[in-house]
Amino acid sequence: MSNLALWSRPAWDTDRWLRDFFGPAAATDWHRPADGGFRPAADIVKDGDDAVVRLELPGIDVDKDVNVEVEHGRLVVHGEHRDEHAEEKNGRTLREIRYGAFRRSFQLPTHVTSEAITACYDAGVLTVRVAGAYAGTRPQRIEITT
């Protein structure tokens, strides 16, 4: 039978406790956000002939920090999730919320223009509707001759 030590370090070693519990970056990078930046989650759903893109942007001032554009045939949503509490760091902090610039882009059908696109923001979700994105996309049967 072997001996197994569940905790071999002093119980009051806070840095090691953070590392063990939250992962290796928790204690060493407690003063900055996690690597990888901010990338909002997105859903794209079909609603009749329209495409609806929903992006999670909680806590963002969309009037100042978000742009929705059509660029080279792509729907582009870009902006920045700002850390409003950056100056309030007194002591150690565990940061799981990601901040920074973001950019998401989605290919548009060739017939869609910027006039077909509307955007609204409610309850932390940016909803972009692309009217007529799926218009004329139903498959048409082609007769095979023999």
Protein backbone atom coordinates (compact mmCIF):
# COMPACT_ATOMS: atom_id res chain seq x y z
CA MET A 1 0.00 0.00 0.00
CA SER A 2 1.37 3.45 -0.86
CA ASN A 3 0.97 6.73 0.93
CA LEU A 4 -0.81 9.49 -0.96
CA ALA A 5 -0.40 13.11 0.07
CA LEU A 6 -3.43 15.19 -0.86
CA TRP A 7 -1.83 18.46 0.22
CA SER A 8 1.95 18.64 0.52
CA ARG A 9 2.28 22.44 0.80
CA PRO A 10 1.49 24.80 3.65
CA ALA A 11 -2.23 25.54 3.79
CA TRP A 12 -1.61 29.31 3.82
CA ASP A 13 0.37 29.47 0.55
CA THR A 14 -2.28 31.49 -1.33
CA ASP A 15 -0.40 31.65 -4.64
CA ARG A 16 -0.03 27.89 -4.78
CA TRP A 17 -3.66 27.41 -3.71
CA LEU A 18 -4.82 29.66 -6.58
CA ARG A 19 -2.60 27.80 -9.03
CA ASP A 20 -3.80 24.41 -7.85
CA PHE A 21 -7.46 25.32 -7.80
CA PHE A 22 -7.86 27.63 -10.82
CA GLY A 23 -4.96 26.51 -13.01
CA PRO A 24 -1.38 27.66 -13.57
CA ALA A 25 -2.25 31.19 -14.75
CA ALA A 26 -4.42 32.11 -11.76
CA ALA A 27 -1.67 33.19 -9.38
CA THR A 28 0.94 34.41 -11.85
CA ASP A 29 -1.44 36.41 -14.04
CA TRP A 30 -3.88 37.67 -11.40
CA HIS A 31 -3.22 41.26 -12.42
CA ARG A 32 -4.19 40.95 -16.10
CA PRO A 33 -7.01 39.35 -18.10
CA ALA A 34 -6.67 35.82 -19.42
CA ASP A 35 -4.90 35.31 -22.75
CA GLY A 36 -6.97 35.09 -25.90
CA GLY A 37 -8.72 38.44 -25.69
CA PHE A 38 -12.42 38.96 -26.02
CA ARG A 39 -14.38 37.07 -28.68
CA PRO A 40 -18.16 37.40 -28.37
CA ALA A 41 -20.20 34.24 -28.86
CA ALA A 42 -22.43 34.30 -31.94
CA ASP A 43 -25.49 32.46 -33.24
CA ILE A 44 -26.75 32.60 -36.82
CA VAL A 45 -30.32 31.46 -37.41
CA LYS A 46 -32.61 31.42 -40.41
CA ASP A 47 -35.88 33.32 -39.95
CA GLY A 48 -37.89 32.90 -43.16
CA ASP A 49 -35.72 34.43 -45.89
CA ASP A 50 -33.74 36.48 -43.36
CA ALA A 51 -30.53 35.61 -41.53
CA VAL A 52 -30.37 36.72 -37.91
CA VAL A 53 -26.96 37.05 -36.25
CA ARG A 54 -26.93 37.35 -32.45
CA LEU A 55 -23.77 38.29 -30.57
CA GLU A 56 -23.39 38.26 -26.79
CA LEU A 57 -22.04 41.67 -25.75
CA PRO A 58 -22.95 42.10 -22.07
CA GLY A 59 -21.68 45.18 -20.31
CA ILE A 60 -20.62 46.97 -23.50
CA ASP A 61 -21.67 50.50 -24.43
CA VAL A 62 -22.71 49.73 -28.02
CA ASP A 63 -23.22 53.42 -28.86
CA LYS A 64 -19.54 54.19 -28.20
CA ASP A 65 -17.73 50.87 -28.55
CA VAL A 66 -19.37 48.77 -31.31
CA ASN A 67 -19.53 49.17 -35.10
CA VAL A 68 -21.57 47.12 -37.57
CA GLU A 69 -20.39 47.48 -41.18
CA VAL A 70 -20.48 45.85 -44.59
CA GLU A 71 -16.93 45.46 -45.85
CA HIS A 72 -15.96 43.64 -49.07
CA GLY A 73 -19.07 41.46 -49.07
CA ARG A 74 -18.83 40.62 -45.37
CA LEU A 75 -20.87 41.66 -42.34
CA VAL A 76 -18.28 42.94 -39.85
CA VAL A 77 -18.96 43.60 -36.17
CA HIS A 78 -16.02 45.10 -34.31
CA GLY A 79 -15.40 47.11 -31.20
CA GLU A 80 -13.93 46.92 -27.74
CA HIS A 81 -14.99 45.56 -24.37
CA ARG A 82 -13.48 48.09 -21.99
CA ASP A 83 -12.51 47.40 -18.39
CA GLU A 84 -14.20 50.25 -16.52
CA HIS A 85 -12.69 49.10 -13.22
CA ALA A 86 -9.05 48.85 -14.35
CA GLU A 87 -7.88 51.53 -11.91
CA GLU A 88 -9.58 49.90 -8.90
CA LYS A 89 -7.14 46.99 -8.58
CA ASN A 90 -6.04 46.91 -4.95
CA GLY A 91 -4.39 43.62 -4.07
CA ARG A 92 -4.94 40.32 -5.78
CA THR A 93 -7.78 39.74 -8.19
CA LEU A 94 -8.97 36.67 -10.05
CA ARG A 95 -10.14 37.79 -13.50
CA GLU A 96 -12.35 35.59 -15.65
CA ILE A 97 -14.07 38.34 -17.66
CA ARG A 98 -12.21 39.04 -20.88
CA TYR A 99 -11.63 42.54 -22.16
CA GLY A 100 -10.13 44.02 -25.29
CA ALA A 101 -10.80 44.63 -28.95
CA PHE A 102 -12.86 42.14 -30.93
CA ARG A 103 -13.80 41.56 -34.56
CA ARG A 104 -16.30 39.06 -35.96
CA SER A 105 -17.11 38.81 -39.66
CA PHE A 106 -19.63 36.78 -41.65
CA GLN A 107 -19.78 36.25 -45.41
CA LEU A 108 -22.84 37.80 -47.05
CA PRO A 109 -24.60 36.55 -50.18
CA THR A 110 -23.65 38.62 -53.24
CA HIS A 111 -27.17 40.06 -53.65
CA VAL A 112 -27.30 41.57 -50.12
CA THR A 113 -26.60 45.29 -49.72
CA SER A 114 -26.14 47.38 -46.59
CA GLU A 115 -29.73 48.65 -46.91
CA ALA A 116 -30.96 45.12 -46.10
CA ILE A 117 -29.19 45.08 -42.72
CA THR A 118 -30.60 46.32 -39.41
CA ALA A 119 -29.14 46.06 -35.91
CA CYS A 120 -30.53 46.44 -32.41
CA TYR A 121 -29.18 45.87 -28.91
CA ASP A 122 -31.19 44.57 -25.96
CA ALA A 123 -30.32 42.80 -22.70
CA GLY A 124 -26.65 42.31 -23.62
CA VAL A 125 -27.34 40.82 -27.06
CA LEU A 126 -26.64 42.55 -30.37
CA THR A 127 -29.08 41.29 -33.01
CA VAL A 128 -28.28 41.93 -36.67
CA ARG A 129 -30.96 41.03 -39.22
CA VAL A 130 -29.95 40.51 -42.85
CA ALA A 131 -33.20 40.76 -44.82
CA GLY A 132 -33.47 38.44 -47.80
CA ALA A 133 -30.20 36.63 -47.17
CA TYR A 134 -31.80 33.28 -48.00
CA ALA A 135 -34.10 34.56 -50.78
CA GLY A 136 -33.82 32.42 -53.88
CA THR A 137 -31.70 29.78 -52.19
CA ARG A 138 -34.14 26.91 -52.47
CA PRO A 139 -32.76 24.08 -54.56
CA GLN A 140 -34.22 23.72 -58.04
CA ARG A 141 -34.46 20.32 -59.59
CA ILE A 142 -32.67 19.90 -62.90
CA GLU A 143 -34.01 17.28 -65.25
CA ILE A 144 -31.56 14.59 -66.26
CA THR A 145 -31.83 13.47 -69.86
CA THR A 146 -30.77 10.05 -71.02
